[in-house]
Amino acid sequence: MSDANHNNMGPVRPADEEGKAVFHEVKDEVVKKLHELNHFDNVHGLHEVDDLKRIECYILVEYATEEVAYGINYFGKIHLGNEKYIHVRAHKSNEGKVDFYSILTEGTAIWTREEPLRYFID
């Protein structure tokens, strides 16, 4: 099993048609998860999405992949507008089914453009 120190995540590359298709397919689930995080922030004071007032866009800027026995894991940096980015993980099975996996939340869910995209399980 992969972890942050032992994984097969490939190099980060600019968004292309393959990456855009995968992250477009999970967009509704990602937005739903952001709304859930916002709700939990308000109820529990978690502050994971404090800096995100609204989603102005949803644009994949870069991504990386990890081949695994049951398909491909995708790690993407998505621009939400106003210099706010999220790191999203999705999975595409060997049969071609794409599933949302998680949003990186380590003290925050909102990242800068400069923050490197990296492997995460979350």
PDB file of N, CA and C in Angstrom:
ATOM      1  N   MET A   1       0.841  -1.179   0.000  1.00  0.00           N
ATOM      2  CA  MET A   1       0.000   0.000   0.000  1.00  0.00           C
ATOM      3  C   MET A   1       0.886   1.243   0.000  1.00  0.00           C
ATOM      4  N   SER A   2       0.500   2.245  -0.741  1.00  0.00           N
ATOM      5  CA  SER A   2       1.259   3.487  -0.841  1.00  0.00           C
ATOM      6  C   SER A   2       1.037   4.378   0.367  1.00  0.00           C
ATOM      7  N   ASP A   3       2.037   5.201   0.660  1.00  0.00           N
ATOM      8  CA  ASP A   3       1.890   6.252   1.661  1.00  0.00           C
ATOM      9  C   ASP A   3       2.704   7.447   1.196  1.00  0.00           C
ATOM     10  N   ALA A   4       2.733   8.509   1.987  1.00  0.00           N
ATOM     11  CA  ALA A   4       3.385   9.747   1.571  1.00  0.00           C
ATOM     12  C   ALA A   4       4.862   9.549   1.254  1.00  0.00           C
ATOM     13  N   ASN A   5       5.517   8.589   1.906  1.00  0.00           N
ATOM     14  CA  ASN A   5       6.942   8.364   1.680  1.00  0.00           C
ATOM     15  C   ASN A   5       7.242   7.239   0.695  1.00  0.00           C
ATOM     16  N   HIS A   6       6.286   6.389   0.450  1.00  0.00           N
ATOM     17  CA  HIS A   6       6.480   5.235  -0.432  1.00  0.00           C
ATOM     18  C   HIS A   6       5.310   5.139  -1.404  1.00  0.00           C
ATOM     19  N   ASN A   7       5.494   5.724  -2.580  1.00  0.00           N
ATOM     20  CA  ASN A   7       4.422   5.716  -3.580  1.00  0.00           C
ATOM     21  C   ASN A   7       5.046   5.809  -4.962  1.00  0.00           C
ATOM     22  N   ASN A   8       4.229   5.674  -5.959  1.00  0.00           N
ATOM     23  CA  ASN A   8       4.686   5.715  -7.353  1.00  0.00           C
ATOM     24  C   ASN A   8       4.122   6.918  -8.095  1.00  0.00           C
ATOM     25  N   MET A   9       3.865   8.020  -7.353  1.00  0.00           N
ATOM     26  CA  MET A   9       3.340   9.212  -8.008  1.00  0.00           C
ATOM     27  C   MET A   9       4.386   9.736  -8.990  1.00  0.00           C
ATOM     28  N   GLY A  10       3.938   9.947 -10.214  1.00  0.00           N
ATOM     29  CA  GLY A  10       4.827  10.449 -11.250  1.00  0.00           C
ATOM     30  C   GLY A  10       5.031  11.948 -11.134  1.00  0.00           C
ATOM     31  N   PRO A  11       5.757  12.514 -12.085  1.00  0.00           N
ATOM     32  CA  PRO A  11       6.033  13.952 -12.047  1.00  0.00           C
ATOM     33  C   PRO A  11       4.769  14.784 -12.270  1.00  0.00           C
ATOM     34  N   VAL A  12       4.764  15.965 -11.682  1.00  0.00           N
ATOM     35  CA  VAL A  12       3.664  16.904 -11.877  1.00  0.00           C
ATOM     36  C   VAL A  12       3.792  17.487 -13.277  1.00  0.00           C
ATOM     37  N   ARG A  13       2.666  17.544 -13.989  1.00  0.00           N
ATOM     38  CA  ARG A  13       2.681  18.067 -15.354  1.00  0.00           C
ATOM     39  C   ARG A  13       1.516  19.022 -15.561  1.00  0.00           C
ATOM     40  N   PRO A  14       1.640  19.889 -16.549  1.00  0.00           N
ATOM     41  CA  PRO A  14       0.548  20.838 -16.823  1.00  0.00           C
ATOM     42  C   PRO A  14      -0.737  20.101 -17.208  1.00  0.00           C
ATOM     43  N   ALA A  15      -1.857  20.747 -16.957  1.00  0.00           N
ATOM     44  CA  ALA A  15      -3.149  20.171 -17.322  1.00  0.00           C
ATOM     45  C   ALA A  15      -3.186  19.865 -18.807  1.00  0.00           C
ATOM     46  N   ASP A  16      -3.716  18.705 -19.146  1.00  0.00           N
ATOM     47  CA  ASP A  16      -3.931  18.327 -20.536  1.00  0.00           C
ATOM     48  C   ASP A  16      -5.335  17.721 -20.629  1.00  0.00           C
ATOM     49  N   GLU A  17      -5.708  17.244 -21.791  1.00  0.00           N
ATOM     50  CA  GLU A  17      -7.071  16.732 -21.979  1.00  0.00           C
ATOM     51  C   GLU A  17      -7.387  15.557 -21.063  1.00  0.00           C
ATOM     52  N   GLU A  18      -6.426  14.674 -20.841  1.00  0.00           N
ATOM     53  CA  GLU A  18      -6.638  13.528 -19.953  1.00  0.00           C
ATOM     54  C   GLU A  18      -6.971  14.002 -18.534  1.00  0.00           C
ATOM     55  N   GLY A  19      -6.136  14.856 -17.979  1.00  0.00           N
ATOM     56  CA  GLY A  19      -6.353  15.351 -16.627  1.00  0.00           C
ATOM     57  C   GLY A  19      -7.636  16.148 -16.502  1.00  0.00           C
ATOM     58  N   LYS A  20      -7.880  17.023 -17.478  1.00  0.00           N
ATOM     59  CA  LYS A  20      -9.097  17.835 -17.445  1.00  0.00           C
ATOM     60  C   LYS A  20     -10.341  16.955 -17.446  1.00  0.00           C
ATOM     61  N   ALA A  21     -10.330  15.882 -18.226  1.00  0.00           N
ATOM     62  CA  ALA A  21     -11.493  14.990 -18.302  1.00  0.00           C
ATOM     63  C   ALA A  21     -11.754  14.320 -16.959  1.00  0.00           C
ATOM     64  N   VAL A  22     -10.701  13.841 -16.301  1.00  0.00           N
ATOM     65  CA  VAL A  22     -10.861  13.166 -15.011  1.00  0.00           C
ATOM     66  C   VAL A  22     -11.413  14.130 -13.965  1.00  0.00           C
ATOM     67  N   PHE A  23     -10.794  15.307 -13.838  1.00  0.00           N
ATOM     68  CA  PHE A  23     -11.221  16.222 -12.781  1.00  0.00           C
ATOM     69  C   PHE A  23     -12.542  16.913 -13.100  1.00  0.00           C
ATOM     70  N   HIS A  24     -12.895  17.007 -14.372  1.00  0.00           N
ATOM     71  CA  HIS A  24     -14.221  17.522 -14.726  1.00  0.00           C
ATOM     72  C   HIS A  24     -15.294  16.520 -14.285  1.00  0.00           C
ATOM     73  N   GLU A  25     -14.980  15.244 -14.420  1.00  0.00           N
ATOM     74  CA  GLU A  25     -15.947  14.207 -14.069  1.00  0.00           C
ATOM     75  C   GLU A  25     -16.280  14.199 -12.572  1.00  0.00           C
ATOM     76  N   VAL A  26     -15.351  14.642 -11.732  1.00  0.00           N
ATOM     77  CA  VAL A  26     -15.600  14.637 -10.283  1.00  0.00           C
ATOM     78  C   VAL A  26     -15.947  16.026  -9.740  1.00  0.00           C
ATOM     79  N   LYS A  27     -16.123  17.001 -10.623  1.00  0.00           N
ATOM     80  CA  LYS A  27     -16.350  18.388 -10.194  1.00  0.00           C
ATOM     81  C   LYS A  27     -17.513  18.521  -9.216  1.00  0.00           C
ATOM     82  N   ASP A  28     -18.656  17.943  -9.499  1.00  0.00           N
ATOM     83  CA  ASP A  28     -19.824  18.092  -8.623  1.00  0.00           C
ATOM     84  C   ASP A  28     -19.533  17.555  -7.222  1.00  0.00           C
ATOM     85  N   GLU A  29     -18.830  16.423  -7.141  1.00  0.00           N
ATOM     86  CA  GLU A  29     -18.492  15.851  -5.836  1.00  0.00           C
ATOM     87  C   GLU A  29     -17.486  16.716  -5.089  1.00  0.00           C
ATOM     88  N   VAL A  30     -16.538  17.310  -5.818  1.00  0.00           N
ATOM     89  CA  VAL A  30     -15.549  18.197  -5.205  1.00  0.00           C
ATOM     90  C   VAL A  30     -16.244  19.427  -4.619  1.00  0.00           C
ATOM     91  N   VAL A  31     -17.126  20.040  -5.395  1.00  0.00           N
ATOM     92  CA  VAL A  31     -17.852  21.223  -4.928  1.00  0.00           C
ATOM     93  C   VAL A  31     -18.712  20.868  -3.715  1.00  0.00           C
ATOM     94  N   LYS A  32     -19.361  19.716  -3.756  1.00  0.00           N
ATOM     95  CA  LYS A  32     -20.169  19.266  -2.620  1.00  0.00           C
ATOM     96  C   LYS A  32     -19.293  19.114  -1.380  1.00  0.00           C
ATOM     97  N   LYS A  33     -18.112  18.529  -1.540  1.00  0.00           N
ATOM     98  CA  LYS A  33     -17.201  18.345  -0.408  1.00  0.00           C
ATOM     99  C   LYS A  33     -16.735  19.697   0.136  1.00  0.00           C
ATOM    100  N   LEU A  34     -16.478  20.667  -0.731  1.00  0.00           N
ATOM    101  CA  LEU A  34     -16.098  22.006  -0.280  1.00  0.00           C
ATOM    102  C   LEU A  34     -17.204  22.645   0.550  1.00  0.00           C
ATOM    103  N   HIS A  35     -18.446  22.455   0.119  1.00  0.00           N
ATOM    104  CA  HIS A  35     -19.579  22.983   0.894  1.00  0.00           C
ATOM    105  C   HIS A  35     -19.680  22.288   2.255  1.00  0.00           C
ATOM    106  N   GLU A  36     -19.434  20.973   2.287  1.00  0.00           N
ATOM    107  CA  GLU A  36     -19.436  20.251   3.567  1.00  0.00           C
ATOM    108  C   GLU A  36     -18.333  20.778   4.484  1.00  0.00           C
ATOM    109  N   LEU A  37     -17.135  20.988   3.927  1.00  0.00           N
ATOM    110  CA  LEU A  37     -16.034  21.526   4.724  1.00  0.00           C
ATOM    111  C   LEU A  37     -16.389  22.908   5.272  1.00  0.00           C
ATOM    112  N   ASN A  38     -17.035  23.716   4.455  1.00  0.00           N
ATOM    113  CA  ASN A  38     -17.445  25.045   4.888  1.00  0.00           C
ATOM    114  C   ASN A  38     -18.446  24.944   6.049  1.00  0.00           C
ATOM    115  N   HIS A  39     -19.385  24.027   5.933  1.00  0.00           N
ATOM    116  CA  HIS A  39     -20.371  23.818   7.000  1.00  0.00           C
ATOM    117  C   HIS A  39     -19.678  23.385   8.295  1.00  0.00           C
ATOM    118  N   PHE A  40     -18.762  22.413   8.191  1.00  0.00           N
ATOM    119  CA  PHE A  40     -18.038  21.952   9.381  1.00  0.00           C
ATOM    120  C   PHE A  40     -17.189  23.064   9.978  1.00  0.00           C
ATOM    121  N   ASP A  41     -16.604  23.903   9.120  1.00  0.00           N
ATOM    122  CA  ASP A  41     -15.853  25.062   9.606  1.00  0.00           C
ATOM    123  C   ASP A  41     -16.738  25.936  10.483  1.00  0.00           C
ATOM    124  N   ASN A  42     -17.930  26.222   9.987  1.00  0.00           N
ATOM    125  CA  ASN A  42     -18.848  27.106  10.708  1.00  0.00           C
ATOM    126  C   ASN A  42     -19.341  26.491  12.009  1.00  0.00           C
ATOM    127  N   VAL A  43     -19.630  25.202  11.989  1.00  0.00           N
ATOM    128  CA  VAL A  43     -20.177  24.530  13.165  1.00  0.00           C
ATOM    129  C   VAL A  43     -19.092  24.226  14.200  1.00  0.00           C
ATOM    130  N   HIS A  44     -17.923  23.766  13.723  1.00  0.00           N
ATOM    131  CA  HIS A  44     -16.889  23.272  14.631  1.00  0.00           C
ATOM    132  C   HIS A  44     -15.648  24.163  14.727  1.00  0.00           C
ATOM    133  N   GLY A  45     -15.627  25.262  13.991  1.00  0.00           N
ATOM    134  CA  GLY A  45     -14.476  26.155  14.040  1.00  0.00           C
ATOM    135  C   GLY A  45     -13.201  25.527  13.510  1.00  0.00           C
ATOM    136  N   LEU A  46     -13.307  24.736  12.455  1.00  0.00           N
ATOM    137  CA  LEU A  46     -12.134  24.018  11.932  1.00  0.00           C
ATOM    138  C   LEU A  46     -11.217  24.901  11.089  1.00  0.00           C
ATOM    139  N   HIS A  47     -11.752  25.920  10.451  1.00  0.00           N
ATOM    140  CA  HIS A  47     -10.970  26.888   9.674  1.00  0.00           C
ATOM    141  C   HIS A  47     -10.249  26.291   8.463  1.00  0.00           C
ATOM    142  N   GLU A  48     -10.778  25.230   7.878  1.00  0.00           N
ATOM    143  CA  GLU A  48     -10.134  24.619   6.721  1.00  0.00           C
ATOM    144  C   GLU A  48     -10.403  25.372   5.426  1.00  0.00           C
ATOM    145  N   VAL A  49     -11.515  26.066   5.342  1.00  0.00           N
ATOM    146  CA  VAL A  49     -11.823  26.812   4.116  1.00  0.00           C
ATOM    147  C   VAL A  49     -12.142  28.275   4.417  1.00  0.00           C
ATOM    148  N   ASP A  50     -11.578  28.809   5.495  1.00  0.00           N
ATOM    149  CA  ASP A  50     -11.836  30.203   5.881  1.00  0.00           C
ATOM    150  C   ASP A  50     -11.574  31.186   4.748  1.00  0.00           C
ATOM    151  N   ASP A  51     -10.519  30.938   3.978  1.00  0.00           N
ATOM    152  CA  ASP A  51     -10.120  31.887   2.944  1.00  0.00           C
ATOM    153  C   ASP A  51     -10.970  31.814   1.677  1.00  0.00           C
ATOM    154  N   LEU A  52     -11.833  30.843   1.588  1.00  0.00           N
ATOM    155  CA  LEU A  52     -12.637  30.667   0.382  1.00  0.00           C
ATOM    156  C   LEU A  52     -14.027  31.247   0.611  1.00  0.00           C
ATOM    157  N   LYS A  53     -14.300  32.364  -0.005  1.00  0.00           N
ATOM    158  CA  LYS A  53     -15.612  32.998   0.141  1.00  0.00           C
ATOM    159  C   LYS A  53     -16.611  32.450  -0.875  1.00  0.00           C
ATOM    160  N   ARG A  54     -16.122  32.179  -2.089  1.00  0.00           N
ATOM    161  CA  ARG A  54     -16.972  31.571  -3.117  1.00  0.00           C
ATOM    162  C   ARG A  54     -16.080  30.927  -4.174  1.00  0.00           C
ATOM    163  N   ILE A  55     -16.675  30.031  -4.918  1.00  0.00           N
ATOM    164  CA  ILE A  55     -15.962  29.360  -5.995  1.00  0.00           C
ATOM    165  C   ILE A  55     -16.216  30.139  -7.275  1.00  0.00           C
ATOM    166  N   GLU A  56     -15.173  30.788  -7.781  1.00  0.00           N
ATOM    167  CA  GLU A  56     -15.306  31.616  -8.982  1.00  0.00           C
ATOM    168  C   GLU A  56     -15.043  30.831 -10.259  1.00  0.00           C
ATOM    169  N   CYS A  57     -14.256  29.777 -10.151  1.00  0.00           N
ATOM    170  CA  CYS A  57     -13.947  28.944 -11.309  1.00  0.00           C
ATOM    171  C   CYS A  57     -13.520  27.569 -10.812  1.00  0.00           C
ATOM    172  N   TYR A  58     -13.312  26.660 -11.728  1.00  0.00           N
ATOM    173  CA  TYR A  58     -12.854  25.313 -11.400  1.00  0.00           C
ATOM    174  C   TYR A  58     -11.958  24.898 -12.557  1.00  0.00           C
ATOM    175  N   ILE A  59     -10.668  25.190 -12.424  1.00  0.00           N
ATOM    176  CA  ILE A  59      -9.738  24.980 -13.529  1.00  0.00           C
ATOM    177  C   ILE A  59      -8.552  24.148 -13.052  1.00  0.00           C
ATOM    178  N   LEU A  60      -8.375  22.985 -13.648  1.00  0.00           N
ATOM    179  CA  LEU A  60      -7.202  22.168 -13.358  1.00  0.00           C
ATOM    180  C   LEU A  60      -5.978  22.873 -13.935  1.00  0.00           C
ATOM    181  N   VAL A  61      -4.953  23.089 -13.106  1.00  0.00           N
ATOM    182  CA  VAL A  61      -3.741  23.744 -13.599  1.00  0.00           C
ATOM    183  C   VAL A  61      -2.587  22.769 -13.753  1.00  0.00           C
ATOM    184  N   GLU A  62      -2.551  21.726 -12.920  1.00  0.00           N
ATOM    185  CA  GLU A  62      -1.516  20.704 -13.038  1.00  0.00           C
ATOM    186  C   GLU A  62      -1.984  19.449 -12.327  1.00  0.00           C
ATOM    187  N   TYR A  63      -1.338  18.333 -12.685  1.00  0.00           N
ATOM    188  CA  TYR A  63      -1.705  17.079 -12.040  1.00  0.00           C
ATOM    189  C   TYR A  63      -0.575  16.063 -12.161  1.00  0.00           C
ATOM    190  N   ALA A  64      -0.699  14.999 -11.393  1.00  0.00           N
ATOM    191  CA  ALA A  64       0.234  13.878 -11.442  1.00  0.00           C
ATOM    192  C   ALA A  64      -0.586  12.604 -11.310  1.00  0.00           C
ATOM    193  N   THR A  65      -0.002  11.509 -11.731  1.00  0.00           N
ATOM    194  CA  THR A  65      -0.702  10.229 -11.648  1.00  0.00           C
ATOM    195  C   THR A  65       0.152   9.198 -10.924  1.00  0.00           C
ATOM    196  N   GLU A  66      -0.529   8.192 -10.426  1.00  0.00           N
ATOM    197  CA  GLU A  66       0.122   7.044  -9.803  1.00  0.00           C
ATOM    198  C   GLU A  66      -0.580   5.798 -10.324  1.00  0.00           C
ATOM    199  N   GLU A  67       0.153   4.963 -11.031  1.00  0.00           N
ATOM    200  CA  GLU A  67      -0.421   3.703 -11.488  1.00  0.00           C
ATOM    201  C   GLU A  67      -0.447   2.717 -10.335  1.00  0.00           C
ATOM    202  N   VAL A  68      -1.611   2.121 -10.141  1.00  0.00           N
ATOM    203  CA  VAL A  68      -1.796   1.104  -9.109  1.00  0.00           C
ATOM    204  C   VAL A  68      -2.443  -0.113  -9.766  1.00  0.00           C
ATOM    205  N   ALA A  69      -2.478  -1.229  -9.072  1.00  0.00           N
ATOM    206  CA  ALA A  69      -2.975  -2.476  -9.663  1.00  0.00           C
ATOM    207  C   ALA A  69      -4.403  -2.360 -10.175  1.00  0.00           C
ATOM    208  N   TYR A  70      -5.220  -1.527  -9.554  1.00  0.00           N
ATOM    209  CA  TYR A  70      -6.643  -1.444  -9.881  1.00  0.00           C
ATOM    210  C   TYR A  70      -6.997  -0.197 -10.687  1.00  0.00           C
ATOM    211  N   GLY A  71      -5.984   0.512 -11.224  1.00  0.00           N
ATOM    212  CA  GLY A  71      -6.252   1.687 -12.046  1.00  0.00           C
ATOM    213  C   GLY A  71      -5.196   2.757 -11.895  1.00  0.00           C
ATOM    214  N   ILE A  72      -5.629   4.009 -11.916  1.00  0.00           N
ATOM    215  CA  ILE A  72      -4.717   5.151 -11.817  1.00  0.00           C
ATOM    216  C   ILE A  72      -5.269   6.153 -10.806  1.00  0.00           C
ATOM    217  N   ASN A  73      -4.428   6.561  -9.865  1.00  0.00           N
ATOM    218  CA  ASN A  73      -4.769   7.644  -8.954  1.00  0.00           C
ATOM    219  C   ASN A  73      -4.326   8.959  -9.594  1.00  0.00           C
ATOM    220  N   TYR A  74      -5.181   9.964  -9.509  1.00  0.00           N
ATOM    221  CA  TYR A  74      -4.898  11.292 -10.059  1.00  0.00           C
ATOM    222  C   TYR A  74      -4.843  12.293  -8.913  1.00  0.00           C
ATOM    223  N   PHE A  75      -3.812  13.134  -8.914  1.00  0.00           N
ATOM    224  CA  PHE A  75      -3.647  14.191  -7.928  1.00  0.00           C
ATOM    225  C   PHE A  75      -3.642  15.506  -8.699  1.00  0.00           C
ATOM    226  N   GLY A  76      -4.593  16.384  -8.426  1.00  0.00           N
ATOM    227  CA  GLY A  76      -4.709  17.608  -9.210  1.00  0.00           C
ATOM    228  C   GLY A  76      -4.740  18.864  -8.377  1.00  0.00           C
ATOM    229  N   LYS A  77      -4.161  19.934  -8.931  1.00  0.00           N
ATOM    230  CA  LYS A  77      -4.251  21.265  -8.328  1.00  0.00           C
ATOM    231  C   LYS A  77      -5.292  22.026  -9.126  1.00  0.00           C
ATOM    232  N   ILE A  78      -6.354  22.446  -8.440  1.00  0.00           N
ATOM    233  CA  ILE A  78      -7.485  23.101  -9.102  1.00  0.00           C
ATOM    234  C   ILE A  78      -7.608  24.536  -8.613  1.00  0.00           C
ATOM    235  N   HIS A  79      -7.674  25.450  -9.560  1.00  0.00           N
ATOM    236  CA  HIS A  79      -7.822  26.877  -9.257  1.00  0.00           C
ATOM    237  C   HIS A  79      -9.309  27.173  -9.070  1.00  0.00           C
ATOM    238  N   LEU A  80      -9.636  27.819  -7.948  1.00  0.00           N
ATOM    239  CA  LEU A  80     -11.028  28.162  -7.642  1.00  0.00           C
ATOM    240  C   LEU A  80     -11.304  29.649  -7.808  1.00  0.00           C
ATOM    241  N   GLY A  81     -10.296  30.408  -8.238  1.00  0.00           N
ATOM    242  CA  GLY A  81     -10.437  31.856  -8.379  1.00  0.00           C
ATOM    243  C   GLY A  81      -9.793  32.582  -7.224  1.00  0.00           C
ATOM    244  N   ASN A  82      -9.534  33.867  -7.425  1.00  0.00           N
ATOM    245  CA  ASN A  82      -8.985  34.734  -6.382  1.00  0.00           C
ATOM    246  C   ASN A  82      -7.731  34.146  -5.734  1.00  0.00           C
ATOM    247  N   GLU A  83      -6.876  33.525  -6.557  1.00  0.00           N
ATOM    248  CA  GLU A  83      -5.606  32.938  -6.087  1.00  0.00           C
ATOM    249  C   GLU A  83      -5.788  31.855  -5.029  1.00  0.00           C
ATOM    250  N   LYS A  84      -6.902  31.127  -5.080  1.00  0.00           N
ATOM    251  CA  LYS A  84      -7.174  30.026  -4.165  1.00  0.00           C
ATOM    252  C   LYS A  84      -7.130  28.713  -4.951  1.00  0.00           C
ATOM    253  N   TYR A  85      -6.454  27.728  -4.377  1.00  0.00           N
ATOM    254  CA  TYR A  85      -6.285  26.434  -5.032  1.00  0.00           C
ATOM    255  C   TYR A  85      -6.609  25.327  -4.042  1.00  0.00           C
ATOM    256  N   ILE A  86      -7.076  24.202  -4.570  1.00  0.00           N
ATOM    257  CA  ILE A  86      -7.266  23.005  -3.764  1.00  0.00           C
ATOM    258  C   ILE A  86      -6.500  21.870  -4.419  1.00  0.00           C
ATOM    259  N   HIS A  87      -6.143  20.877  -3.613  1.00  0.00           N
ATOM    260  CA  HIS A  87      -5.494  19.675  -4.111  1.00  0.00           C
ATOM    261  C   HIS A  87      -6.509  18.541  -3.987  1.00  0.00           C
ATOM    262  N   VAL A  88      -6.792  17.906  -5.102  1.00  0.00           N
ATOM    263  CA  VAL A  88      -7.849  16.897  -5.176  1.00  0.00           C
ATOM    264  C   VAL A  88      -7.267  15.569  -5.631  1.00  0.00           C
ATOM    265  N   ARG A  89      -7.781  14.503  -5.063  1.00  0.00           N
ATOM    266  CA  ARG A  89      -7.391  13.157  -5.477  1.00  0.00           C
ATOM    267  C   ARG A  89      -8.609  12.457  -6.062  1.00  0.00           C
ATOM    268  N   ALA A  90      -8.408  11.816  -7.204  1.00  0.00           N
ATOM    269  CA  ALA A  90      -9.460  11.035  -7.858  1.00  0.00           C
ATOM    270  C   ALA A  90      -8.849   9.705  -8.288  1.00  0.00           C
ATOM    271  N   HIS A  91      -9.697   8.776  -8.640  1.00  0.00           N
ATOM    272  CA  HIS A  91      -9.227   7.460  -9.094  1.00  0.00           C
ATOM    273  C   HIS A  91      -9.979   7.053 -10.355  1.00  0.00           C
ATOM    274  N   LYS A  92      -9.250   6.538 -11.320  1.00  0.00           N
ATOM    275  CA  LYS A  92      -9.851   5.986 -12.534  1.00  0.00           C
ATOM    276  C   LYS A  92      -9.533   4.500 -12.563  1.00  0.00           C
ATOM    277  N   SER A  93     -10.584   3.681 -12.533  1.00  0.00           N
ATOM    278  CA  SER A  93     -10.399   2.230 -12.488  1.00  0.00           C
ATOM    279  C   SER A  93      -9.921   1.709 -13.840  1.00  0.00           C
ATOM    280  N   ASN A  94      -9.457   0.490 -13.839  1.00  0.00           N
ATOM    281  CA  ASN A  94      -9.036  -0.148 -15.094  1.00  0.00           C
ATOM    282  C   ASN A  94     -10.191  -0.236 -16.084  1.00  0.00           C
ATOM    283  N   GLU A  95     -11.417  -0.204 -15.577  1.00  0.00           N
ATOM    284  CA  GLU A  95     -12.604  -0.246 -16.436  1.00  0.00           C
ATOM    285  C   GLU A  95     -13.008   1.143 -16.921  1.00  0.00           C
ATOM    286  N   GLY A  96     -12.335   2.194 -16.436  1.00  0.00           N
ATOM    287  CA  GLY A  96     -12.608   3.555 -16.885  1.00  0.00           C
ATOM    288  C   GLY A  96     -13.527   4.367 -15.999  1.00  0.00           C
ATOM    289  N   LYS A  97     -13.992   3.792 -14.894  1.00  0.00           N
ATOM    290  CA  LYS A  97     -14.870   4.528 -13.976  1.00  0.00           C
ATOM    291  C   LYS A  97     -14.040   5.499 -13.140  1.00  0.00           C
ATOM    292  N   VAL A  98     -14.484   6.763 -13.073  1.00  0.00           N
ATOM    293  CA  VAL A  98     -13.770   7.787 -12.316  1.00  0.00           C
ATOM    294  C   VAL A  98     -14.535   8.092 -11.032  1.00  0.00           C
ATOM    295  N   ASP A  99     -13.800   8.093  -9.912  1.00  0.00           N
ATOM    296  CA  ASP A  99     -14.387   8.386  -8.605  1.00  0.00           C
ATOM    297  C   ASP A  99     -13.592   9.473  -7.903  1.00  0.00           C
ATOM    298  N   PHE A 100     -14.304  10.377  -7.226  1.00  0.00           N
ATOM    299  CA  PHE A 100     -13.678  11.348  -6.338  1.00  0.00           C
ATOM    300  C   PHE A 100     -13.164  10.604  -5.118  1.00  0.00           C
ATOM    301  N   TYR A 101     -11.976  10.975  -4.653  1.00  0.00           N
ATOM    302  CA  TYR A 101     -11.401  10.325  -3.490  1.00  0.00           C
ATOM    303  C   TYR A 101     -11.339  11.276  -2.297  1.00  0.00           C
ATOM    304  N   SER A 102     -10.662  12.433  -2.462  1.00  0.00           N
ATOM    305  CA  SER A 102     -10.546  13.354  -1.332  1.00  0.00           C
ATOM    306  C   SER A 102      -9.988  14.707  -1.756  1.00  0.00           C
ATOM    307  N   ILE A 103     -10.081  15.653  -0.829  1.00  0.00           N
ATOM    308  CA  ILE A 103      -9.433  16.958  -0.927  1.00  0.00           C
ATOM    309  C   ILE A 103      -8.388  16.997   0.179  1.00  0.00           C
ATOM    310  N   LEU A 104      -7.192  17.455  -0.138  1.00  0.00           N
ATOM    311  CA  LEU A 104      -6.144  17.551   0.872  1.00  0.00           C
ATOM    312  C   LEU A 104      -6.528  18.602   1.910  1.00  0.00           C
ATOM    313  N   THR A 105      -6.613  18.172   3.168  1.00  0.00           N
ATOM    314  CA  THR A 105      -6.923  19.084   4.272  1.00  0.00           C
ATOM    315  C   THR A 105      -5.922  18.814   5.388  1.00  0.00           C
ATOM    316  N   GLU A 106      -4.885  19.566   5.417  1.00  0.00           N
ATOM    317  CA  GLU A 106      -3.893  19.479   6.500  1.00  0.00           C
ATOM    318  C   GLU A 106      -3.799  20.850   7.146  1.00  0.00           C
ATOM    319  N   GLY A 107      -4.740  21.143   8.037  1.00  0.00           N
ATOM    320  CA  GLY A 107      -4.810  22.453   8.655  1.00  0.00           C
ATOM    321  C   GLY A 107      -5.567  23.453   7.809  1.00  0.00           C
ATOM    322  N   THR A 108      -5.609  23.209   6.524  1.00  0.00           N
ATOM    323  CA  THR A 108      -6.347  24.034   5.573  1.00  0.00           C
ATOM    324  C   THR A 108      -6.694  23.178   4.365  1.00  0.00           C
ATOM    325  N   ALA A 109      -7.667  23.613   3.611  1.00  0.00           N
ATOM    326  CA  ALA A 109      -7.970  22.969   2.337  1.00  0.00           C
ATOM    327  C   ALA A 109      -7.610  23.897   1.183  1.00  0.00           C
ATOM    328  N   ILE A 110      -7.232  25.124   1.512  1.00  0.00           N
ATOM    329  CA  ILE A 110      -6.944  26.139   0.498  1.00  0.00           C
ATOM    330  C   ILE A 110      -5.439  26.368   0.440  1.00  0.00           C
ATOM    331  N   TRP A 111      -4.881  26.272  -0.767  1.00  0.00           N
ATOM    332  CA  TRP A 111      -3.443  26.361  -0.975  1.00  0.00           C
ATOM    333  C   TRP A 111      -3.118  27.504  -1.935  1.00  0.00           C
ATOM    334  N   THR A 112      -1.851  27.876  -1.976  1.00  0.00           N
ATOM    335  CA  THR A 112      -1.381  28.885  -2.930  1.00  0.00           C
ATOM    336  C   THR A 112      -0.948  28.190  -4.216  1.00  0.00           C
ATOM    337  N   ARG A 113      -0.760  28.970  -5.250  1.00  0.00           N
ATOM    338  CA  ARG A 113      -0.274  28.424  -6.523  1.00  0.00           C
ATOM    339  C   ARG A 113       1.111  27.804  -6.343  1.00  0.00           C
ATOM    340  N   GLU A 114       1.915  28.391  -5.454  1.00  0.00           N
ATOM    341  CA  GLU A 114       3.284  27.945  -5.257  1.00  0.00           C
ATOM    342  C   GLU A 114       3.400  26.656  -4.440  1.00  0.00           C
ATOM    343  N   GLU A 115       2.394  26.359  -3.647  1.00  0.00           N
ATOM    344  CA  GLU A 115       2.442  25.147  -2.830  1.00  0.00           C
ATOM    345  C   GLU A 115       2.519  23.922  -3.735  1.00  0.00           C
ATOM    346  N   PRO A 116       3.558  23.102  -3.591  1.00  0.00           N
ATOM    347  CA  PRO A 116       3.715  21.979  -4.523  1.00  0.00           C
ATOM    348  C   PRO A 116       2.632  20.911  -4.361  1.00  0.00           C
ATOM    349  N   LEU A 117       2.212  20.383  -5.477  1.00  0.00           N
ATOM    350  CA  LEU A 117       1.279  19.252  -5.482  1.00  0.00           C
ATOM    351  C   LEU A 117       2.070  18.019  -5.057  1.00  0.00           C
ATOM    352  N   ARG A 118       1.521  17.293  -4.113  1.00  0.00           N
ATOM    353  CA  ARG A 118       2.231  16.123  -3.593  1.00  0.00           C
ATOM    354  C   ARG A 118       1.252  14.992  -3.313  1.00  0.00           C
ATOM    355  N   TYR A 119       1.820  13.847  -3.060  1.00  0.00           N
ATOM    356  CA  TYR A 119       1.021  12.666  -2.740  1.00  0.00           C
ATOM    357  C   TYR A 119       0.285  12.855  -1.424  1.00  0.00           C
ATOM    358  N   PHE A 120      -0.964  12.438  -1.369  1.00  0.00           N
ATOM    359  CA  PHE A 120      -1.717  12.439  -0.114  1.00  0.00           C
ATOM    360  C   PHE A 120      -2.772  11.363  -0.154  1.00  0.00           C
ATOM    361  N   ILE A 121      -3.154  10.910   1.016  1.00  0.00           N
ATOM    362  CA  ILE A 121      -4.191   9.880   1.137  1.00  0.00           C
ATOM    363  C   ILE A 121      -5.491  10.503   1.588  1.00  0.00           C
ATOM    364  N   ASP A 122      -5.444  11.268   2.682  1.00  0.00           N
ATOM    365  CA  ASP A 122      -6.605  12.005   3.226  1.00  0.00           C
ATOM    366  C   ASP A 122      -7.863  11.208   3.165  1.00  0.00           C
TER     367      ASP A 122
END
